[in-house]
């Protein structure tokens, strides 16, 4: 089966025609795909520009928030510094008051110590004087008691002598009588 050249050429021409037709169909399809890609590219560009503008808006909002927060932080920093300064001043004032109170209290305690020492000395002297006075009085009382005891001893001795004499007189009268 050998084909002639003309048949082969005709076959090839038919194949080329079919391929041409396929290429034309392929070209139309590529055109449609290209149009579709172009449409998608335009959509992507639209989204990109929309996203860029939204990102810009968000950037502006973030910058605004950042500046507002920075301002508020600065105000709070100033308030904290003012509060720290006021508190430090008040603490310094209290320290001075405490120091003054401490020195006044120390002076008063020292004065009380001196008074106590003076009173201790005075009381010691008074106690010594009182001891001497009590000892002197005790000696005087001892002397008085000794004298009275001597006097009572003499009176008891005299009384005993009188009783003995009376008893002897009574016994003598009883014997004589």
Protein backbone atom coordinates (compact mmCIF):
# COMPACT_ATOMS: atom_id res chain seq x y z
CA UNK A 1 0.00 0.00 0.00
CA UNK A 2 1.88 2.59 -1.09
CA UNK A 3 0.41 5.92 -1.34
CA UNK A 4 1.21 8.26 -4.01
CA UNK A 5 2.75 11.58 -3.43
CA UNK A 6 -0.38 13.33 -4.30
CA UNK A 7 -2.31 11.33 -1.82
CA UNK A 8 0.28 12.01 0.73
CA UNK A 9 0.27 15.73 -0.05
CA UNK A 10 -3.54 15.73 0.09
CA UNK A 11 -3.40 13.93 3.40
CA UNK A 12 -0.85 16.37 4.68
CA UNK A 13 -2.86 19.32 3.40
CA UNK A 14 -5.92 17.94 5.19
CA UNK A 15 -3.90 17.45 8.34
CA UNK A 16 -2.46 20.94 7.99
CA UNK A 17 -5.98 22.29 7.48
CA UNK A 18 -7.21 20.48 10.52
CA UNK A 19 -4.22 21.72 12.48
CA UNK A 20 -4.85 25.23 11.16
CA UNK A 21 -8.39 24.98 12.33
CA UNK A 22 -7.17 23.66 15.68
CA UNK A 23 -4.66 26.50 15.87
CA UNK A 24 -7.38 29.01 15.14
CA UNK A 25 -9.59 27.42 17.81
CA UNK A 26 -6.61 27.39 20.13
CA UNK A 27 -5.93 31.08 19.31
CA UNK A 28 -9.55 31.96 20.09
CA UNK A 29 -9.37 30.02 23.31
CA UNK A 30 -6.07 31.70 24.21
CA UNK A 31 -7.73 35.06 23.45
CA UNK A 32 -10.61 34.22 25.72
CA UNK A 33 -8.21 33.03 28.43
CA UNK A 34 -6.14 36.14 27.87
CA UNK A 35 -9.26 38.30 28.25
CA UNK A 36 -10.21 36.38 31.33
CA UNK A 37 -6.67 36.77 32.74
CA UNK A 38 -6.81 40.47 31.85
CA UNK A 39 -10.14 40.77 33.70
CA UNK A 40 -8.71 38.93 36.66
CA UNK A 41 -5.62 41.12 36.52
CA UNK A 42 -7.85 44.20 36.57
CA UNK A 43 -9.80 42.78 39.52
CA UNK A 44 -6.54 42.06 41.33
CA UNK A 45 -5.37 45.61 40.56
CA UNK A 46 -8.70 46.93 41.90
CA UNK A 47 -8.38 44.80 45.03
CA UNK A 48 -4.76 45.85 45.35
CA UNK A 49 -5.63 49.55 45.13
CA UNK A 50 -8.63 49.06 47.46
CA UNK A 51 -6.43 47.16 49.93
CA UNK A 52 -3.72 49.79 49.61
CA UNK A 53 -6.22 52.57 50.38
CA UNK A 54 -7.66 50.56 53.29
CA UNK A 55 -4.13 49.90 54.56
CA UNK A 56 -3.40 53.62 54.23
CA UNK A 57 -6.57 54.40 56.23
CA UNK A 58 -5.54 51.84 58.85
CA UNK A 59 -2.03 53.33 58.93
CA UNK A 60 -3.52 56.75 59.49
CA UNK A 61 -5.76 55.38 62.24
CA UNK A 62 -2.80 53.60 63.85
CA UNK A 63 -0.72 56.78 63.61
CA UNK A 64 -3.58 58.77 65.14
CA UNK A 65 -4.01 56.19 67.93
CA UNK A 66 -0.25 56.15 68.46
CA UNK A 67 -0.13 59.95 68.75
CA UNK A 68 -3.21 59.98 71.05
CA UNK A 69 -1.73 57.24 73.22
CA UNK A 70 1.62 58.99 73.25
CA UNK A 71 -0.08 62.22 74.35
CA UNK A 72 -2.05 60.38 77.03
CA UNK A 73 1.09 58.60 78.20
CA UNK A 74 2.88 61.96 78.35
CA UNK A 75 0.02 63.40 80.43
CA UNK A 76 0.13 60.36 82.73
CA UNK A 77 3.92 60.70 82.96
CA UNK A 78 3.51 64.32 83.98
CA UNK A 79 0.86 63.37 86.53
CA UNK A 80 3.12 60.66 87.93
CA UNK A 81 6.04 63.10 88.11
CA UNK A 82 3.82 65.68 89.83
CA UNK A 83 2.48 63.06 92.23
CA UNK A 84 6.02 61.78 92.91
CA UNK A 85 7.18 65.35 93.58
CA UNK A 86 4.22 66.12 95.86
CA UNK A 87 4.63 62.83 97.67
CA UNK A 88 8.36 63.38 98.05
CA UNK A 89 7.69 66.86 99.47
CA UNK A 90 5.12 65.48 101.89
CA UNK A 91 7.49 62.69 102.95
CA UNK A 92 10.28 65.25 103.45
CA UNK A 93 7.89 67.37 105.54
CA UNK A 94 6.94 64.32 107.61
CA UNK A 95 10.62 63.44 108.03
CA UNK A 96 11.29 66.96 109.32
CA UNK A 97 8.31 66.74 111.68
CA UNK A 98 9.50 63.35 112.93
CA UNK A 99 13.02 64.70 113.42
CA UNK A 100 11.65 67.73 115.29
CA UNK A 101 9.38 65.53 117.39
CA UNK A 102 12.25 63.13 118.05
CA UNK A 103 14.54 65.95 119.20
CA UNK A 104 11.78 67.53 121.34
CA UNK A 105 10.94 64.16 122.83
CA UNK A 106 14.61 63.44 123.44
CA UNK A 107 15.00 66.82 125.17
CA UNK A 108 11.94 66.14 127.32
CA UNK A 109 13.20 62.67 128.19
CA UNK A 110 16.60 64.14 129.10
CA UNK A 111 14.86 66.74 131.28
CA UNK A 112 12.81 63.98 132.94
CA UNK A 113 15.99 61.95 133.50
CA UNK A 114 17.58 64.95 135.18
CA UNK A 115 14.48 65.51 137.32
CA UNK A 116 14.44 61.84 138.27
CA UNK A 117 18.14 62.00 139.17
CA UNK A 118 17.52 65.15 141.22
CA UNK A 119 14.51 63.62 142.93
CA UNK A 120 16.47 60.43 143.55
CA UNK A 121 19.24 62.44 145.20
CA UNK A 122 16.72 64.50 147.18
CA UNK A 123 14.81 61.38 148.22
CA UNK A 124 18.04 59.65 149.12
CA UNK A 125 19.00 62.61 151.32
CA UNK A 126 15.49 62.74 152.77
CA UNK A 127 15.56 59.00 153.44
CA UNK A 128 18.98 59.29 155.09
CA UNK A 129 17.75 62.22 157.19
CA UNK A 130 14.59 60.27 158.03
CA UNK A 131 16.69 57.24 159.03
CA UNK A 132 18.83 59.42 161.29
CA UNK A 133 15.73 61.05 162.72
CA UNK A 134 14.06 57.69 163.29
CA UNK A 135 17.27 56.32 164.81
CA UNK A 136 17.53 59.37 167.08
CA UNK A 137 13.91 59.02 168.12
CA UNK A 138 14.36 55.30 168.62
CA UNK A 139 17.38 56.01 170.82
CA UNK A 140 15.38 58.60 172.77
CA UNK A 141 12.49 56.15 173.11
CA UNK A 142 14.90 53.40 174.14
CA UNK A 143 16.32 55.73 176.81
CA UNK A 144 12.83 56.68 177.99
CA UNK A 145 11.80 53.03 178.07
CA UNK A 146 14.99 52.16 179.96
CA UNK A 147 14.31 54.95 182.50
CA UNK A 148 10.71 53.90 182.91
CA UNK A 149 11.73 50.30 183.21
CA UNK A 150 14.25 51.29 185.88
CA UNK A 151 11.57 53.36 187.61
CA UNK A 152 9.11 50.49 187.38
CA UNK A 153 11.73 48.07 188.61
CA UNK A 154 12.27 50.35 191.65
CA UNK A 155 8.53 50.69 192.17
CA UNK A 156 8.01 46.95 191.84
CA UNK A 157 10.91 46.35 194.18
CA UNK A 158 9.48 48.87 196.69
CA UNK A 159 6.02 47.40 196.19
CA UNK A 160 7.39 43.90 196.68
CA UNK A 161 9.19 45.16 199.80
CA UNK A 162 5.96 46.73 201.07
CA UNK A 163 4.05 43.53 200.39
CA UNK A 164 6.67 41.45 202.12
CA UNK A 165 6.61 43.86 205.08
CA UNK A 166 2.82 43.77 205.14
CA UNK A 167 2.82 40.02 204.93
CA UNK A 168 5.34 39.81 207.77
CA UNK A 169 3.24 42.24 209.77
CA UNK A 170 0.13 40.21 209.16
CA UNK A 171 1.96 37.01 210.02
CA UNK A 172 3.39 38.62 213.17
CA UNK A 173 -0.03 39.86 214.17
CA UNK A 174 -1.50 36.46 213.57
CA UNK A 175 1.22 34.84 215.58
CA UNK A 176 0.82 37.25 218.47
CA UNK A 177 -2.66 37.22 218.47
